[in-house]
Amino acid sequence: MGSFPIPQVVRGINAAQQAARSVNPDVEFDVVWLNSWFSPETEESVSQ
């Protein structure tokens, strides 16, 4: 999950994906944008 699709957040997601691919080239990420900096209710509903 990502808060907002801003460069700093996208950069972190890209770094995590590249690190995961160095171990498992077939790994896939599904990014969900929450459009909020803090929203536990939304995070919980999206993760289920």
PDB file of N, CA and C in Angstrom:
ATOM      1  N   MET A   1       0.836  -1.165   0.000  1.00  0.00           N
ATOM      2  CA  MET A   1       0.000   0.000   0.000  1.00  0.00           C
ATOM      3  C   MET A   1       0.881   1.228   0.000  1.00  0.00           C
ATOM      4  N   GLY A   2       0.440   2.217  -0.728  1.00  0.00           N
ATOM      5  CA  GLY A   2       1.142   3.483  -0.756  1.00  0.00           C
ATOM      6  C   GLY A   2       0.220   4.598  -0.328  1.00  0.00           C
ATOM      7  N   SER A   3       0.796   5.597   0.302  1.00  0.00           N
ATOM      8  CA  SER A   3      -0.018   6.710   0.778  1.00  0.00           C
ATOM      9  C   SER A   3      -0.505   7.569  -0.386  1.00  0.00           C
ATOM     10  N   PHE A   4       0.408   8.260  -1.038  1.00  0.00           N
ATOM     11  CA  PHE A   4       0.112   9.086  -2.200  1.00  0.00           C
ATOM     12  C   PHE A   4       1.137   8.761  -3.288  1.00  0.00           C
ATOM     13  N   PRO A   5       0.762   8.831  -4.551  1.00  0.00           N
ATOM     14  CA  PRO A   5       1.729   8.531  -5.616  1.00  0.00           C
ATOM     15  C   PRO A   5       2.662   9.716  -5.896  1.00  0.00           C
ATOM     16  N   ILE A   6       3.489  10.034  -4.910  1.00  0.00           N
ATOM     17  CA  ILE A   6       4.467  11.110  -5.061  1.00  0.00           C
ATOM     18  C   ILE A   6       5.840  10.476  -5.255  1.00  0.00           C
ATOM     19  N   PRO A   7       6.799  11.222  -5.800  1.00  0.00           N
ATOM     20  CA  PRO A   7       8.096  10.620  -6.132  1.00  0.00           C
ATOM     21  C   PRO A   7       8.777   9.867  -4.991  1.00  0.00           C
ATOM     22  N   GLN A   8       8.745  10.407  -3.778  1.00  0.00           N
ATOM     23  CA  GLN A   8       9.424   9.754  -2.666  1.00  0.00           C
ATOM     24  C   GLN A   8       8.811   8.386  -2.359  1.00  0.00           C
ATOM     25  N   VAL A   9       7.502   8.279  -2.411  1.00  0.00           N
ATOM     26  CA  VAL A   9       6.828   7.014  -2.124  1.00  0.00           C
ATOM     27  C   VAL A   9       7.066   6.024  -3.263  1.00  0.00           C
ATOM     28  N   VAL A  10       6.945   6.491  -4.492  1.00  0.00           N
ATOM     29  CA  VAL A  10       7.167   5.620  -5.654  1.00  0.00           C
ATOM     30  C   VAL A  10       8.602   5.099  -5.657  1.00  0.00           C
ATOM     31  N   ARG A  11       9.541   5.946  -5.300  1.00  0.00           N
ATOM     32  CA  ARG A  11      10.946   5.529  -5.249  1.00  0.00           C
ATOM     33  C   ARG A  11      11.144   4.395  -4.239  1.00  0.00           C
ATOM     34  N   GLY A  12      10.515   4.496  -3.081  1.00  0.00           N
ATOM     35  CA  GLY A  12      10.624   3.437  -2.071  1.00  0.00           C
ATOM     36  C   GLY A  12      10.021   2.127  -2.549  1.00  0.00           C
ATOM     37  N   ILE A  13       8.877   2.213  -3.219  1.00  0.00           N
ATOM     38  CA  ILE A  13       8.233   1.004  -3.746  1.00  0.00           C
ATOM     39  C   ILE A  13       9.104   0.378  -4.829  1.00  0.00           C
ATOM     40  N   ASN A  14       9.655   1.203  -5.702  1.00  0.00           N
ATOM     41  CA  ASN A  14      10.532   0.687  -6.758  1.00  0.00           C
ATOM     42  C   ASN A  14      11.770   0.019  -6.169  1.00  0.00           C
ATOM     43  N   ALA A  15      12.339   0.603  -5.120  1.00  0.00           N
ATOM     44  CA  ALA A  15      13.523   0.021  -4.482  1.00  0.00           C
ATOM     45  C   ALA A  15      13.188  -1.337  -3.876  1.00  0.00           C
ATOM     46  N   ALA A  16      12.041  -1.425  -3.210  1.00  0.00           N
ATOM     47  CA  ALA A  16      11.631  -2.704  -2.614  1.00  0.00           C
ATOM     48  C   ALA A  16      11.415  -3.755  -3.691  1.00  0.00           C
ATOM     49  N   GLN A  17      10.817  -3.349  -4.809  1.00  0.00           N
ATOM     50  CA  GLN A  17      10.556  -4.298  -5.881  1.00  0.00           C
ATOM     51  C   GLN A  17      11.864  -4.777  -6.514  1.00  0.00           C
ATOM     52  N   GLN A  18      12.802  -3.883  -6.725  1.00  0.00           N
ATOM     53  CA  GLN A  18      14.088  -4.289  -7.297  1.00  0.00           C
ATOM     54  C   GLN A  18      14.834  -5.236  -6.365  1.00  0.00           C
ATOM     55  N   ALA A  19      14.780  -4.974  -5.071  1.00  0.00           N
ATOM     56  CA  ALA A  19      15.439  -5.864  -4.103  1.00  0.00           C
ATOM     57  C   ALA A  19      14.781  -7.238  -4.116  1.00  0.00           C
ATOM     58  N   ALA A  20      13.459  -7.273  -4.170  1.00  0.00           N
ATOM     59  CA  ALA A  20      12.747  -8.552  -4.205  1.00  0.00           C
ATOM     60  C   ALA A  20      13.071  -9.317  -5.484  1.00  0.00           C
ATOM     61  N   ARG A  21      13.162  -8.598  -6.599  1.00  0.00           N
ATOM     62  CA  ARG A  21      13.472  -9.260  -7.877  1.00  0.00           C
ATOM     63  C   ARG A  21      14.900  -9.794  -7.931  1.00  0.00           C
ATOM     64  N   SER A  22      15.788  -9.218  -7.133  1.00  0.00           N
ATOM     65  CA  SER A  22      17.158  -9.742  -7.116  1.00  0.00           C
ATOM     66  C   SER A  22      17.192 -11.133  -6.482  1.00  0.00           C
ATOM     67  N   VAL A  23      16.192 -11.450  -5.670  1.00  0.00           N
ATOM     68  CA  VAL A  23      16.088 -12.753  -5.025  1.00  0.00           C
ATOM     69  C   VAL A  23      15.164 -13.680  -5.796  1.00  0.00           C
ATOM     70  N   ASN A  24      14.043 -13.117  -6.269  1.00  0.00           N
ATOM     71  CA  ASN A  24      13.039 -13.905  -6.999  1.00  0.00           C
ATOM     72  C   ASN A  24      12.587 -13.097  -8.212  1.00  0.00           C
ATOM     73  N   PRO A  25      13.102 -13.395  -9.396  1.00  0.00           N
ATOM     74  CA  PRO A  25      12.777 -12.616 -10.592  1.00  0.00           C
ATOM     75  C   PRO A  25      11.294 -12.631 -10.970  1.00  0.00           C
ATOM     76  N   ASP A  26      10.528 -13.560 -10.437  1.00  0.00           N
ATOM     77  CA  ASP A  26       9.111 -13.667 -10.792  1.00  0.00           C
ATOM     78  C   ASP A  26       8.184 -12.961  -9.809  1.00  0.00           C
ATOM     79  N   VAL A  27       8.737 -12.249  -8.849  1.00  0.00           N
ATOM     80  CA  VAL A  27       7.905 -11.580  -7.840  1.00  0.00           C
ATOM     81  C   VAL A  27       7.043 -10.493  -8.495  1.00  0.00           C
ATOM     82  N   GLU A  28       5.841 -10.320  -7.972  1.00  0.00           N
ATOM     83  CA  GLU A  28       4.940  -9.279  -8.472  1.00  0.00           C
ATOM     84  C   GLU A  28       4.440  -8.448  -7.305  1.00  0.00           C
ATOM     85  N   PHE A  29       4.310  -7.162  -7.512  1.00  0.00           N
ATOM     86  CA  PHE A  29       3.781  -6.243  -6.509  1.00  0.00           C
ATOM     87  C   PHE A  29       2.443  -5.714  -6.989  1.00  0.00           C
ATOM     88  N   ASP A  30       1.482  -5.645  -6.098  1.00  0.00           N
ATOM     89  CA  ASP A  30       0.205  -4.987  -6.367  1.00  0.00           C
ATOM     90  C   ASP A  30       0.130  -3.780  -5.445  1.00  0.00           C
ATOM     91  N   VAL A  31       0.288  -2.597  -6.003  1.00  0.00           N
ATOM     92  CA  VAL A  31       0.291  -1.377  -5.203  1.00  0.00           C
ATOM     93  C   VAL A  31      -1.122  -0.800  -5.169  1.00  0.00           C
ATOM     94  N   VAL A  32      -1.570  -0.467  -3.969  1.00  0.00           N
ATOM     95  CA  VAL A  32      -2.869   0.163  -3.768  1.00  0.00           C
ATOM     96  C   VAL A  32      -2.608   1.534  -3.168  1.00  0.00           C
ATOM     97  N   TRP A  33      -3.082   2.579  -3.827  1.00  0.00           N
ATOM     98  CA  TRP A  33      -2.909   3.945  -3.330  1.00  0.00           C
ATOM     99  C   TRP A  33      -4.054   4.286  -2.389  1.00  0.00           C
ATOM    100  N   LEU A  34      -3.713   4.678  -1.166  1.00  0.00           N
ATOM    101  CA  LEU A  34      -4.716   5.022  -0.166  1.00  0.00           C
ATOM    102  C   LEU A  34      -5.140   6.485  -0.244  1.00  0.00           C
ATOM    103  N   ASN A  35      -4.288   7.322  -0.808  1.00  0.00           N
ATOM    104  CA  ASN A  35      -4.538   8.766  -0.877  1.00  0.00           C
ATOM    105  C   ASN A  35      -4.806   9.358   0.499  1.00  0.00           C
ATOM    106  N   SER A  36      -4.014   8.882   1.466  1.00  0.00           N
ATOM    107  CA  SER A  36      -4.095   9.366   2.842  1.00  0.00           C
ATOM    108  C   SER A  36      -2.774   9.037   3.518  1.00  0.00           C
ATOM    109  N   TRP A  37      -2.325   9.917   4.423  1.00  0.00           N
ATOM    110  CA  TRP A  37      -1.094   9.642   5.158  1.00  0.00           C
ATOM    111  C   TRP A  37      -1.355   8.699   6.320  1.00  0.00           C
ATOM    112  N   PHE A  38      -2.560   8.716   6.873  1.00  0.00           N
ATOM    113  CA  PHE A  38      -2.870   7.862   8.014  1.00  0.00           C
ATOM    114  C   PHE A  38      -4.343   7.514   7.974  1.00  0.00           C
ATOM    115  N   SER A  39      -4.640   6.260   7.710  1.00  0.00           N
ATOM    116  CA  SER A  39      -6.027   5.817   7.652  1.00  0.00           C
ATOM    117  C   SER A  39      -6.099   4.318   7.949  1.00  0.00           C
ATOM    118  N   PRO A  40      -6.026   3.946   9.237  1.00  0.00           N
ATOM    119  CA  PRO A  40      -6.053   2.523   9.588  1.00  0.00           C
ATOM    120  C   PRO A  40      -7.305   1.805   9.091  1.00  0.00           C
ATOM    121  N   GLU A  41      -8.442   2.474   9.089  1.00  0.00           N
ATOM    122  CA  GLU A  41      -9.678   1.836   8.636  1.00  0.00           C
ATOM    123  C   GLU A  41      -9.592   1.469   7.158  1.00  0.00           C
ATOM    124  N   THR A  42      -9.078   2.388   6.351  1.00  0.00           N
ATOM    125  CA  THR A  42      -8.940   2.119   4.928  1.00  0.00           C
ATOM    126  C   THR A  42      -7.924   1.005   4.692  1.00  0.00           C
ATOM    127  N   GLU A  43      -6.822   1.053   5.399  1.00  0.00           N
ATOM    128  CA  GLU A  43      -5.803   0.003   5.246  1.00  0.00           C
ATOM    129  C   GLU A  43      -6.377  -1.362   5.578  1.00  0.00           C
ATOM    130  N   GLU A  44      -7.146  -1.438   6.637  1.00  0.00           N
ATOM    131  CA  GLU A  44      -7.721  -2.717   7.043  1.00  0.00           C
ATOM    132  C   GLU A  44      -8.715  -3.226   5.994  1.00  0.00           C
ATOM    133  N   SER A  45      -9.538  -2.341   5.450  1.00  0.00           N
ATOM    134  CA  SER A  45     -10.523  -2.778   4.466  1.00  0.00           C
ATOM    135  C   SER A  45      -9.866  -3.202   3.159  1.00  0.00           C
ATOM    136  N   VAL A  46      -8.770  -2.576   2.789  1.00  0.00           N
ATOM    137  CA  VAL A  46      -8.079  -2.917   1.541  1.00  0.00           C
ATOM    138  C   VAL A  46      -7.315  -4.223   1.679  1.00  0.00           C
ATOM    139  N   SER A  47      -6.758  -4.488   2.856  1.00  0.00           N
ATOM    140  CA  SER A  47      -5.922  -5.671   3.023  1.00  0.00           C
ATOM    141  C   SER A  47      -6.724  -6.962   3.179  1.00  0.00           C
ATOM    142  N   GLN A  48      -8.026  -6.884   3.322  1.00  0.00           N
ATOM    143  CA  GLN A  48      -8.825  -8.096   3.508  1.00  0.00           C
ATOM    144  C   GLN A  48      -9.332  -8.639   2.222  1.00  0.00           C
TER     145      GLN A  48
END
